[in-house]
């Protein structure tokens, strides 16, 4: 039901894609949708940053959103790479 609701919402507001700041597990219901992408964070060695229960991932997602809103980029984010993932089949 959620994937269909998201597609309807994207059409209603005239957007082509949605970016999710979430874990792979929560992304699963949307994994076959071409309109949805997942944002992944990578450390300096190219390994995905997660942390226990996704703690580090969600902390970084919050810092990025805060930086986008405030225009102030914390030094911690300068070493983080962002990867946009497509469907997780």
Protein backbone atom coordinates (compact mmCIF):
# COMPACT_ATOMS: atom_id res chain seq x y z
CA UNK A 1 0.00 0.00 0.00
CA UNK A 2 2.81 2.46 0.82
CA UNK A 3 4.52 2.17 -2.58
CA UNK A 4 1.26 2.92 -4.38
CA UNK A 5 0.58 5.88 -2.08
CA UNK A 6 4.05 7.25 -2.78
CA UNK A 7 3.59 6.96 -6.55
CA UNK A 8 0.26 8.81 -6.31
CA UNK A 9 1.85 11.52 -4.18
CA UNK A 10 4.79 11.97 -6.57
CA UNK A 11 2.38 12.34 -9.49
CA UNK A 12 0.23 14.80 -7.55
CA UNK A 13 3.12 17.12 -6.75
CA UNK A 14 4.73 16.54 -10.17
CA UNK A 15 8.01 14.96 -9.05
CA UNK A 16 9.89 12.21 -10.85
CA UNK A 17 11.80 10.69 -7.93
CA UNK A 18 11.98 10.49 -4.17
CA UNK A 19 15.16 10.21 -2.10
CA UNK A 20 14.91 8.18 1.09
CA UNK A 21 17.18 8.77 4.07
CA UNK A 22 16.61 5.34 5.57
CA UNK A 23 18.07 1.89 6.05
CA UNK A 24 17.95 -0.86 3.46
CA UNK A 25 15.41 -2.74 5.59
CA UNK A 26 12.92 0.13 5.61
CA UNK A 27 13.53 0.63 1.90
CA UNK A 28 12.48 -2.93 0.98
CA UNK A 29 8.77 -2.22 0.30
CA UNK A 30 9.88 0.39 -2.26
CA UNK A 31 12.78 -1.59 -3.75
CA UNK A 32 11.19 -2.33 -7.11
CA UNK A 33 10.03 1.22 -7.70
CA UNK A 34 12.03 3.09 -10.30
CA UNK A 35 10.96 6.41 -8.76
CA UNK A 36 12.68 5.80 -5.42
CA UNK A 37 16.35 6.08 -4.54
CA UNK A 38 18.13 5.52 -1.23
CA UNK A 39 20.88 7.78 0.10
CA UNK A 40 23.87 5.86 1.48
CA UNK A 41 26.82 7.36 3.37
CA UNK A 42 30.34 6.03 2.84
CA UNK A 43 33.44 6.53 4.95
CA UNK A 44 36.92 7.27 3.57
CA UNK A 45 37.46 3.61 2.69
CA UNK A 46 34.20 3.32 0.77
CA UNK A 47 32.42 1.31 3.49
CA UNK A 48 28.82 2.16 4.25
CA UNK A 49 28.32 4.04 7.51
CA UNK A 50 25.56 2.45 9.60
CA UNK A 51 26.39 2.00 13.25
CA UNK A 52 24.37 -0.08 15.71
CA UNK A 53 20.66 0.10 14.86
CA UNK A 54 21.52 2.65 12.14
CA UNK A 55 22.49 5.24 14.74
CA UNK A 56 25.44 6.68 12.78
CA UNK A 57 23.47 6.70 9.53
CA UNK A 58 20.54 8.62 10.98
CA UNK A 59 22.85 11.04 12.81
CA UNK A 60 24.57 11.88 9.51
CA UNK A 61 21.21 12.22 7.74
CA UNK A 62 20.17 14.74 10.40
CA UNK A 63 23.42 16.67 10.01
CA UNK A 64 22.94 16.84 6.24
CA UNK A 65 19.38 18.09 6.52
CA UNK A 66 20.47 20.66 9.10
CA UNK A 67 23.33 21.77 6.81
CA UNK A 68 20.94 22.15 3.86
CA UNK A 69 18.57 24.29 5.91
CA UNK A 70 21.18 26.41 7.72
CA UNK A 71 23.90 26.60 5.07
CA UNK A 72 26.48 25.67 7.72
CA UNK A 73 28.38 22.48 6.85
CA UNK A 74 29.96 20.74 9.86
CA UNK A 75 33.57 19.59 9.35
CA UNK A 76 32.47 16.01 10.07
CA UNK A 77 30.50 15.92 6.81
CA UNK A 78 33.47 16.89 4.66
CA UNK A 79 34.89 13.36 4.85
CA UNK A 80 31.59 11.58 4.13
CA UNK A 81 30.78 10.42 0.62
CA UNK A 82 27.17 10.23 -0.51
CA UNK A 83 25.98 7.43 -2.79
CA UNK A 84 22.53 7.32 -4.37
CA UNK A 85 21.27 3.75 -4.70
CA UNK A 86 18.53 2.59 -7.02
CA UNK A 87 16.11 -0.25 -6.38
CA UNK A 88 17.39 -2.91 -3.98
CA UNK A 89 16.41 -6.11 -5.76
